[in-house]
Protein backbone atom coordinates (compact mmCIF):
# COMPACT_ATOMS: atom_id res chain seq x y z
CA MET A 1 19.48 -11.49 9.24
CA LYS A 2 21.91 -7.96 8.03
CA MET A 3 19.99 -4.99 8.13
CA LEU A 4 21.63 -1.61 7.05
CA TYR A 5 23.84 0.72 8.93
CA GLY A 6 25.56 -1.39 10.94
CA TYR A 7 22.74 -2.85 12.67
CA THR A 8 21.75 -6.70 13.06
CA LEU A 9 18.16 -8.03 13.46
CA GLU A 10 17.80 -11.95 14.29
CA TRP A 11 14.77 -14.39 13.67
CA ASP A 12 13.62 -13.98 16.79
CA GLN A 13 13.50 -10.30 17.22
CA LEU A 14 11.49 -9.85 14.24
CA ALA A 15 9.22 -12.23 15.82
CA GLU A 16 8.75 -10.06 18.55
CA TRP A 17 7.78 -7.34 16.61
CA LEU A 18 5.39 -9.06 14.35
CA PRO A 19 2.09 -8.57 16.50
CA ILE A 20 2.95 -4.46 16.11
CA LEU A 21 3.27 -4.80 12.54
CA MET A 22 0.93 -6.96 11.82
CA PRO A 23 -2.09 -4.58 11.91
CA PHE A 24 -0.48 -2.22 9.70
CA ILE A 25 0.36 -5.01 7.17
CA VAL A 26 -3.32 -6.08 6.88
CA LEU A 27 -4.58 -2.49 7.00
CA ASN A 28 -2.36 -1.61 4.15
CA LEU A 29 -3.53 -4.61 2.08
CA ILE A 30 -7.39 -3.48 2.62
CA LEU A 31 -6.45 -0.12 1.27
CA ILE A 32 -4.94 -1.34 -1.36
CA ALA A 33 -7.55 -3.93 -2.61
CA ALA A 34 -10.08 -1.18 -1.98
CA ALA A 35 -8.48 1.14 -3.96
CA LEU A 36 -8.01 -1.24 -7.04
CA TRP A 37 -11.51 -2.12 -7.26
CA ASP A 38 -12.59 1.43 -7.41
CA ILE A 39 -10.22 1.74 -9.87
CA ILE A 40 -11.34 -0.88 -11.85
CA ARG A 41 -14.91 -0.32 -11.40
CA SER A 42 -14.23 3.61 -12.30
CA ASP A 43 -15.17 4.95 -15.65
CA ARG A 44 -11.77 6.68 -16.24
CA ASN A 45 -9.75 6.08 -19.28
CA ARG A 46 -7.26 3.49 -19.52
CA GLU A 47 -3.90 5.57 -19.12
CA SER A 48 -5.27 6.74 -16.01
CA LYS A 49 -6.61 3.42 -14.56
CA TRP A 50 -3.04 2.10 -14.78
CA LEU A 51 -1.16 5.23 -13.12
CA TRP A 52 -3.74 5.11 -10.26
CA ALA A 53 -3.11 1.73 -9.74
CA ALA A 54 0.25 2.05 -10.05
CA ILE A 55 0.40 4.22 -7.59
CA SER A 56 -2.02 2.52 -5.29
CA VAL A 57 0.55 -0.76 -5.29
CA PHE A 58 3.66 0.64 -5.10
CA VAL A 59 3.98 3.64 -2.58
CA SER A 60 2.22 1.66 -0.40
CA MET A 61 -0.10 2.84 2.22
CA LEU A 62 0.43 6.49 1.11
CA GLY A 63 -0.97 5.41 -2.45
CA PRO A 64 -4.41 4.51 -1.79
CA ILE A 65 -4.71 7.17 0.53
CA LEU A 66 -3.90 9.87 -2.02
CA TYR A 67 -6.15 7.96 -4.44
CA PHE A 68 -9.11 8.27 -2.43
CA ALA A 69 -8.24 11.52 -1.55
CA ILE A 70 -7.32 13.02 -5.22
CA GLY A 71 -7.90 10.43 -7.29
CA ARG A 72 -11.35 9.91 -6.84
CA ARG A 73 -12.22 13.89 -7.66
CA GLY A 74 -11.13 13.67 -11.14
CA ARG A 75 -14.11 11.54 -12.23
């Protein structure tokens, strides 16, 4: 697999990193699911829900953290 900046990463090297990356991937999915569940159940207007849902999904781990730190105060 060819990466940017001239660094190549083979599949066996990726398999070595997978145990380290897996907890972050699982944590990210849990955060996204919890944020989306809270957004759906909230009594916000529709535009605000769509905006926070997009931020939570597309900004990866930081999106749900921003929602729980900032977005829930707007209720």
